[in-house]
Amino acid sequence: MTNEELQKAVKILLAGGLVAFPTETVYGLGAVSTNDKAVASIYELKGRPSFNPLIAHVDGPEMAEKYVEVTPVARQLMDAFWPGPLTLVLKRKASCPVSYLASAGLDTLAVRMPNNPIALKLITGTGIPIVAPSANPSGRISPTTAEHVATSFGEKAPMILDGGPCSVGVESTVLLATDKTPVMLRYGGLSVDDIEALIGPIIRPEKDPDAPQSPGQMKSHYAPITPLRMNALEADPGEALLGFGPAPQAVLNLSEKEDLKEAAANLFSMMRQLDNGKYTGIAVMPIPMHGLGLAINDRLKRASYKK
């Protein structure tokens, strides 16, 4: 990778575009984390069936501290294993500007410092955390070379920064570290033995069938306090109508142009705006069941779930 290529990649990201880049685990499909539409573009290109939380890649603990609440155990883990294949899920700060789409509507954010010089230069160059899932269509084998990325996306491939083969080759280990005892959310490139040798036993939810192993698995995880119903053609008395397409009566509109990427970008922020105690319910107009509409409907279904 040349310096010119790096600068071009930074400009693409800051303009709202996507860039594939190497980490030590797999190649990532990156967007700046604070741009809702750029984040939506990741889901669109991957054909991702649901809005799972994305990892925000940072260039060090100092950048992470600007966006999340770093607990003592998280700091201990950062000092020992960053840069490296360890992702920590932490509480978002109230001032955190990262897109809620990247957090899948949750009040947490997954952060990681990759152990790859190209990735770190790219993050430092933008000055903003870069969110990135694996750079491949959803459901395909994760890419560990630039050629894998190019082949899997074909003509739709974004700019790719070639850093050679990934040294680890499997996704990062993910820990929920908001409390004193971390919870394992995903096994990956950092072993549990290494983690527990440092901080002692952690919680392994796979032993409890009722505990989700990653953010978003619980059916009601995305539910606002205000009741939400789907496929509404109009609002009942006291409800707020969340529109899609022409809807002058809507309080807010996901996309007047019926643009599914725009709707995805607005979804979580608009749900939060309407979940303000002023309405008896949130009525959401029908969303087409194709493309990003599948993921939008998936999240709306979870948000409307009641125990």
Foldseek 3Di string as FASTA:
>chain_A
DDPVLLVVQLVQQVVLAWEWEAFLAFIWTKHFQLQLLSVLVQCQLQVPLALAAWEFEALAPVQVVVFFDQDPLNVLCRVVAPQHQEKEKGFTDPPHSGFVSNVVLDRIHIYHHTPDVSVNSNNVSNVGTMTTDALAHPPDQGHFFQVVNCVRRPPNRDHYDGPDGRNQHWHGWYWHDHDLAIETLDDIRDDPVVSCVRRNDHHYCVVPVVDHSGPPPDLQNNAFPAAEDEADPDDDPQEAEEAAADDPRHPHYQYNVLDLSSNSSCPSVVVVVRSPPRGNHYYYHHRDCDRSSSRSVSSSSSRNDDD
